[in-house]
Structures are given as C-alpha cells and as structure tokens.
Amino acid sequence: MATNLRVVTLNVWNSRGDAAARTALINAELRRLAPDLVALQEVLPDQLPGLIEGTGLHGTHQAQTAATAPPHADRYGGTAIATRWPHRVVEVLDQRGSDAPDVPWLTPAALVPLPGLDDVLFIAPTTSFRLEAEAQRERQVLALSDLDARHRTTLPTIMAGDFNADPDSASIRYLTGRQSLSGRGTHFHDAWDVAGSGPGHTWTADNPYATEDIELLVRQPGHRRRIDYIFVGSPHAHPNAFARVRSADLAFDKPTDGTWPSDHYGVVADLEVGLLTTGPLTTGPE
C-alpha cells in the first residue's frame, strides 16, 4: 500500500519587513499547496497560529517543547513543524555548542501517523548560518544522523529545513552519501536532485528581501545559493519501504503587490510513500 505525501519547507524570516502582510501571503500559499508535512524556520511563537490558520494542519513550535529558550530566539524565532495528522514530538535537538553558541533554532523530531501505513519520522533542522561555519554544520549533520537512527521507523525518514549550505559543501555531501565525516557515512535522497529543474536557488539576490543580509554576510554581487532542502531516507536504512520523489519545485518565490513572502524561497516536494509487498531486493556480486 502507498500514499501520496506533499512536503514543504520555508524559512519565514521571523518578524522582519511587513510581517503581517507576509504572514497572510504564506498562509494563503499553504492553503493553496495543501501540504501534509511542513517545516518552518525563524518563526516567532505567536506567528505560528496565523501561518497555519485554516490549513487543517497541527502545529508545534519549539517554544512548546523546550525547557528554556535559546539566546536570540526572541529576535530570530525558532523552528516549527505542522502536519496534516496529529504528530508526537519524540526529541528536540539543541545544536548549539562551544563552536556554535548563537544558533537559536532547535531541531524537532516527530512521529507522524500516515493513514493506512505506519508512523513516519519527520525531522526539521536549521544549522549554523555563517559562511565560515561548515565545521559546525559537519558536527550538526552527524548529530542529525544519530537523531534519525534513534527514532527512525520502517517508512523512510523525511527531513526538511534550512541547512545554510550549498550542495557541494561537506555537510550536504555527507547527507547525500558523497563523502564521509569522522569515518562515518549515511545516505538521504535530495528531493531537488531527484526531481527538481534548474539550480533551485532558495537564498538569492533576485529576492530584494535577501539583499540586506547578503550585503551583511557575503558582500558580493549576484549571490545565489540552494540552501533549503527536503531529504528522504534511502534503502540502506529502510529496506522494506520506499519514498519516491515524484516532483520538486520552488514555492513562496514570487511577490504579491510588491510584497515577498520571505527572504528565502521555499521548497515543495511530492512523494509516494509506501511499504514493499515482496520484501527488499537483495543482490550480491555477479
């Protein structure tokens, strides 16, 4: 048996700009897209209800799960998830450390029951944002691997968020099985690599809301990167199930009456998720 699943990720850009107008645009687009799993980054706790109002989604903000608020969370917001079916948060990962003290975004991991199938593990990370922070991101994706291993189910894990790293960085290469880190390896399918078209830039100078921070953090013209991702677990960790990526597109990537939804573009992916009926395919050397 299989089911279709739509996954969305978007960095909301906290309360900057005309937050009320942007919240309305994001809400309208979520209603149109009708996703089943949503990962939201840089969300203030009081923003989440307005973002998902009327969508039928069940939302949880990191502030509802954390014993204490990380520094700067009142300014930059936190991570939130929203799901079509009621979810159960099983762990919230704090990715701060001595090498990354200013990361206010926690990483929730939740089990989401898919009708007719089983629970799927949904992880919503945000990693260190600075250009020079790849060593921090390497540590953080290793922690994401461990988080997945602690809670993964038969169905392939789905992980979506703002990874602040382009596809050629070590952290993303590790997640997609193209290099090891600390003698370890893993593999997730990058939905854009499977079914996206074009460069898929999600943080770009083409968006005027991004230009202020690009000037602050990069100071180079025409900066464009793909840093927001949807990943799905692969057969090595889920031999009895599948999550086929049928499409991957940008979302929240156009203005309305001069107002853009965010400084990031989002990503939307359509998946076909199911269990194998004949058992896993096994092969050996010829």
Protein backbone atom coordinates (compact mmCIF):
# COMPACT_ATOMS: atom_id res chain seq x y z
CA MET A 1 0.00 0.00 0.00
CA ALA A 2 1.21 3.54 -0.74
CA THR A 3 0.09 7.10 -0.18
CA ASN A 4 0.95 10.45 -1.69
CA LEU A 5 2.59 13.00 0.58
CA ARG A 6 3.36 16.68 0.00
CA VAL A 7 6.24 18.20 1.97
CA VAL A 8 7.05 21.92 2.28
CA THR A 9 9.90 23.81 3.91
CA LEU A 10 10.23 27.59 4.32
CA ASN A 11 12.37 29.98 6.32
CA VAL A 12 9.74 32.52 7.48
CA TRP A 13 12.20 35.40 8.24
CA ASN A 14 10.74 35.99 11.72
CA SER A 15 9.02 39.40 12.06
CA ARG A 16 11.14 41.42 9.66
CA GLY A 17 9.61 43.51 6.91
CA ASP A 18 5.83 43.79 6.83
CA ALA A 19 5.31 40.69 8.95
CA ALA A 20 1.52 40.86 8.92
CA ALA A 21 1.34 41.04 5.13
CA ARG A 22 3.94 38.32 4.74
CA THR A 23 2.12 36.04 7.19
CA ALA A 24 -1.04 36.43 5.14
CA LEU A 25 0.82 35.54 1.93
CA ILE A 26 2.43 32.49 3.48
CA ASN A 27 -0.89 31.36 4.90
CA ALA A 28 -2.63 31.77 1.54
CA GLU A 29 0.07 29.75 -0.21
CA LEU A 30 -0.04 27.00 2.40
CA ARG A 31 -3.79 26.77 1.87
CA ARG A 32 -3.24 26.51 -1.89
CA LEU A 33 -0.44 23.95 -1.65
CA ALA A 34 -2.29 21.84 0.95
CA PRO A 35 0.87 20.15 2.26
CA ASP A 36 0.94 17.19 4.63
CA LEU A 37 4.27 17.91 6.35
CA VAL A 38 5.66 21.43 6.83
CA ALA A 39 8.99 22.56 8.30
CA LEU A 40 9.19 26.26 9.19
CA GLN A 41 12.29 28.12 10.33
CA GLU A 42 12.78 31.52 12.01
CA VAL A 43 9.23 31.54 13.34
CA LEU A 44 8.23 33.51 16.43
CA PRO A 45 5.85 31.57 18.70
CA ASP A 46 2.96 33.99 18.18
CA GLN A 47 3.39 33.80 14.38
CA LEU A 48 2.67 30.09 14.02
CA PRO A 49 -1.14 30.21 14.55
CA GLY A 50 -1.52 32.83 11.81
CA LEU A 51 0.70 30.93 9.41
CA ILE A 52 -1.37 27.74 9.58
CA GLU A 53 -4.84 29.17 10.27
CA GLY A 54 -7.46 27.44 8.13
CA THR A 55 -5.00 24.90 6.69
CA GLY A 56 -6.12 21.96 8.82
CA LEU A 57 -2.51 21.49 9.96
CA HIS A 58 -1.45 20.66 13.51
CA GLY A 59 1.47 22.87 14.58
CA THR A 60 4.16 22.69 17.24
CA HIS A 61 6.68 25.47 17.90
CA GLN A 62 9.99 24.71 19.57
CA ALA A 63 8.96 27.03 22.42
CA GLN A 64 6.28 24.47 23.33
CA THR A 65 8.90 21.75 23.78
CA ALA A 66 11.98 23.44 25.24
CA ALA A 67 12.63 23.87 28.96
CA THR A 68 14.43 27.16 28.29
CA ALA A 69 14.56 29.48 25.28
CA PRO A 70 17.91 29.62 23.47
CA PRO A 71 19.59 33.03 23.30
CA HIS A 72 18.32 35.30 20.49
CA ALA A 73 15.16 33.21 19.98
CA ASP A 74 13.05 36.24 20.86
CA ARG A 75 14.57 38.06 17.87
CA TYR A 76 15.25 35.36 15.32
CA GLY A 77 12.50 32.94 16.23
CA GLY A 78 12.68 29.18 16.29
CA THR A 79 11.71 26.07 14.38
CA ALA A 80 8.15 24.84 13.96
CA ILE A 81 6.51 21.87 12.32
CA ALA A 82 2.98 21.44 11.05
CA THR A 83 1.42 18.16 9.95
CA ARG A 84 -1.84 17.02 8.38
CA TRP A 85 -2.30 14.41 11.11
CA PRO A 86 -1.58 14.94 14.82
CA HIS A 87 2.09 14.27 15.47
CA ARG A 88 4.08 13.28 18.53
CA VAL A 89 7.38 15.05 19.20
CA VAL A 90 9.89 12.40 20.30
CA GLU A 91 13.00 14.53 20.70
CA VAL A 92 14.17 18.13 20.31
CA LEU A 93 17.85 18.55 19.46
CA ASP A 94 19.78 21.63 20.59
CA GLN A 95 22.59 22.14 18.06
CA ARG A 96 24.39 24.88 19.96
CA GLY A 97 27.91 24.24 21.20
CA SER A 98 31.14 25.99 22.01
CA ASP A 99 31.68 26.32 18.26
CA ALA A 100 28.10 27.50 17.60
CA PRO A 101 26.77 29.49 20.57
CA ASP A 102 24.41 31.65 18.51
CA VAL A 103 22.10 29.05 16.95
CA PRO A 104 18.65 29.68 18.48
CA TRP A 105 16.86 27.16 16.29
CA LEU A 106 16.15 23.77 17.82
CA THR A 107 15.57 20.63 15.73
CA PRO A 108 12.31 18.81 16.46
CA ALA A 109 11.83 15.18 15.51
CA ALA A 110 8.24 13.96 15.40
CA LEU A 111 6.41 10.76 14.56
CA VAL A 112 3.52 11.35 12.17
CA PRO A 113 0.95 8.59 11.56
CA LEU A 114 0.24 8.09 7.85
CA PRO A 115 -3.25 6.66 7.26
CA GLY A 116 -3.15 3.03 6.24
CA LEU A 117 0.61 2.77 6.71
CA ASP A 118 2.69 3.50 9.81
CA ASP A 119 4.41 6.34 11.60
CA VAL A 120 6.98 8.32 9.62
CA LEU A 121 9.79 10.21 11.31
CA PHE A 122 9.80 13.90 10.37
CA ILE A 123 12.90 15.95 11.30
CA ALA A 124 13.08 19.74 10.84
CA PRO A 125 16.64 21.08 11.22
CA THR A 126 18.21 24.50 10.96
CA THR A 127 22.02 24.50 11.01
CA SER A 128 24.62 27.23 11.58
CA PHE A 129 24.25 30.15 9.19
CA ARG A 130 27.68 31.74 8.86
CA LEU A 131 29.67 31.15 5.67
CA GLU A 132 32.70 30.04 7.70
CA ALA A 133 30.65 27.64 9.88
CA GLU A 134 30.99 24.47 7.81
CA ALA A 135 32.86 22.69 10.61
CA GLN A 136 29.89 23.42 12.86
CA ARG A 137 27.50 22.16 10.21
CA GLU A 138 29.53 18.97 9.86
CA ARG A 139 29.11 18.32 13.57
CA GLN A 140 25.42 19.14 13.33
CA VAL A 141 24.66 16.76 10.44
CA LEU A 142 26.43 13.96 12.29
CA ALA A 143 24.06 14.67 15.19
CA LEU A 144 21.14 14.55 12.74
CA SER A 145 22.27 11.08 11.65
CA ASP A 146 22.22 9.95 15.26
CA LEU A 147 18.81 11.55 15.82
CA ASP A 148 17.44 9.66 12.82
CA ALA A 149 18.96 6.39 14.00
CA ARG A 150 17.36 6.75 17.42
CA HIS A 151 13.83 7.21 16.12
CA ARG A 152 13.54 6.02 12.50
CA THR A 153 10.65 3.79 11.54
CA THR A 154 10.06 1.31 8.74
CA LEU A 155 8.98 4.17 6.45
CA PRO A 156 11.79 6.37 5.11
CA THR A 157 12.62 9.34 7.32
CA ILE A 158 11.71 12.76 5.92
CA MET A 159 13.97 15.67 6.83
CA ALA A 160 13.33 19.26 5.70
CA GLY A 161 14.76 22.62 6.64
CA ASP A 162 17.28 25.40 6.16
CA PHE A 163 20.76 23.83 6.12
CA ASN A 164 22.63 27.05 5.24
CA ALA A 165 24.95 25.08 2.95
CA ASP A 166 25.06 24.52 -0.78
CA PRO A 167 25.03 21.04 -2.36
CA ASP A 168 28.83 20.90 -2.72
CA SER A 169 29.51 21.56 0.98
CA ALA A 170 30.82 18.75 3.15
CA SER A 171 27.68 18.66 5.31
CA ILE A 172 25.34 18.17 2.33
CA ARG A 173 27.75 15.80 0.60
CA TYR A 174 27.71 13.71 3.78
CA LEU A 175 23.92 13.62 3.97
CA THR A 176 23.69 12.58 0.32
CA GLY A 177 26.29 9.83 0.65
CA ARG A 178 29.03 11.51 -1.39
CA GLN A 179 31.62 11.74 1.37
CA SER A 180 32.27 10.54 4.89
CA LEU A 181 32.68 12.61 8.04
CA SER A 182 34.63 11.39 11.07
CA GLY A 183 34.82 7.95 9.49
CA ARG A 184 31.04 7.75 9.17
CA GLY A 185 28.66 7.67 6.24
CA THR A 186 24.94 7.92 5.59
CA HIS A 187 22.61 8.49 2.67
CA PHE A 188 19.46 10.52 2.08
CA HIS A 189 17.95 11.37 -1.29
CA ASP A 190 17.93 15.12 -2.01
CA ALA A 191 14.47 15.71 -3.48
CA TRP A 192 15.72 18.51 -5.73
CA ASP A 193 18.47 16.31 -7.16
CA VAL A 194 15.88 13.64 -7.95
CA ALA A 195 13.08 15.72 -9.45
CA GLY A 196 13.92 19.43 -9.43
CA SER A 197 14.67 21.52 -12.50
CA GLY A 198 17.31 24.22 -12.72
CA PRO A 199 19.60 25.50 -9.95
CA GLY A 200 16.84 25.72 -7.33
CA HIS A 201 18.36 28.72 -5.55
CA THR A 202 16.47 29.50 -2.36
CA TRP A 203 18.53 32.39 -0.95
CA THR A 204 19.25 34.77 -3.77
CA ALA A 205 19.90 38.38 -4.66
CA ASP A 206 16.93 38.09 -7.01
CA ASN A 207 14.76 38.44 -3.88
CA PRO A 208 15.04 42.03 -2.61
CA TYR A 209 14.29 40.92 0.95
CA ALA A 210 17.51 38.88 0.94
CA THR A 211 19.80 41.65 -0.25
CA GLU A 212 20.32 43.31 3.15
CA ASP A 213 21.63 40.14 4.77
CA ILE A 214 23.57 39.17 1.65
CA GLU A 215 25.35 42.52 1.86
CA LEU A 216 25.97 42.00 5.58
CA LEU A 217 27.16 38.38 5.39
CA VAL A 218 28.55 37.98 1.86
CA ARG A 219 29.26 41.41 0.35
CA GLN A 220 29.46 40.07 -3.18
CA PRO A 221 27.07 40.90 -6.03
CA GLY A 222 24.68 38.37 -7.51
CA HIS A 223 24.91 35.90 -4.63
CA ARG A 224 22.68 32.86 -5.20
CA ARG A 225 22.64 29.54 -3.35
CA ARG A 226 20.45 26.49 -2.81
CA ILE A 227 20.43 26.06 0.97
CA ASP A 228 16.92 24.79 1.76
CA TYR A 229 16.29 21.07 1.32
CA ILE A 230 13.88 18.19 1.54
CA PHE A 231 15.60 14.85 2.13
CA VAL A 232 14.13 11.34 2.25
CA GLY A 233 15.71 8.25 3.76
CA SER A 234 17.11 5.65 1.39
CA PRO A 235 17.00 1.83 1.22
CA HIS A 236 20.09 1.19 3.34
CA ALA A 237 18.14 2.39 6.40
CA HIS A 238 14.64 1.46 5.20
CA PRO A 239 14.90 -1.81 3.25
CA ASN A 240 11.20 -2.63 3.45
CA ALA A 241 9.73 0.68 2.29
CA PHE A 242 10.12 3.48 -0.24
CA ALA A 243 9.61 7.24 -0.60
CA ARG A 244 9.75 8.03 -4.31
CA VAL A 245 10.20 11.71 -5.14
CA ARG A 246 7.70 12.50 -7.89
CA SER A 247 8.29 16.28 -8.12
CA ALA A 248 10.26 19.09 -6.51
CA ASP A 249 9.66 22.79 -7.06
CA LEU A 250 10.26 26.20 -5.55
CA ALA A 251 7.45 27.79 -3.56
CA PHE A 252 6.87 31.22 -2.00
CA ASP A 253 9.16 32.56 -4.75
CA LYS A 254 7.04 35.37 -6.19
CA PRO A 255 5.84 38.72 -4.80
CA THR A 256 2.24 39.89 -4.49
CA ASP A 257 1.73 43.63 -4.93
CA GLY A 258 5.42 44.14 -4.21
CA THR A 259 5.47 42.04 -1.02
CA TRP A 260 7.53 38.84 -0.95
CA PRO A 261 6.58 36.04 1.46
CA SER A 262 10.10 35.82 2.93
CA ASP A 263 13.78 36.43 2.25
CA HIS A 264 14.03 32.73 1.35
CA TYR A 265 12.18 30.78 -1.28
CA GLY A 266 10.62 27.56 -0.06
CA VAL A 267 10.72 24.05 -1.48
CA VAL A 268 7.77 21.73 -2.11
CA ALA A 269 8.12 18.05 -2.96
CA ASP A 270 5.55 15.41 -3.78
CA LEU A 271 6.38 11.92 -2.56
CA GLU A 272 4.87 8.49 -2.99
CA VAL A 273 5.45 6.64 0.28
CA GLY A 274 4.73 3.00 0.90
CA LEU A 275 5.75 -0.44 2.05
CA LEU A 276 7.24 -3.10 -0.19
CA THR A 277 4.92 -6.05 -0.66
CA THR A 278 7.51 -8.54 -1.91
CA GLY A 279 10.30 -7.81 0.58
CA PRO A 280 13.52 -5.91 -0.06
CA LEU A 281 15.50 -6.57 -3.20
CA THR A 282 18.78 -8.29 -2.35
CA THR A 283 21.71 -8.52 -4.72
CA GLY A 284 25.26 -9.69 -4.49
CA PRO A 285 28.40 -9.67 -6.59
CA GLU A 286 27.99 -11.21 -10.01
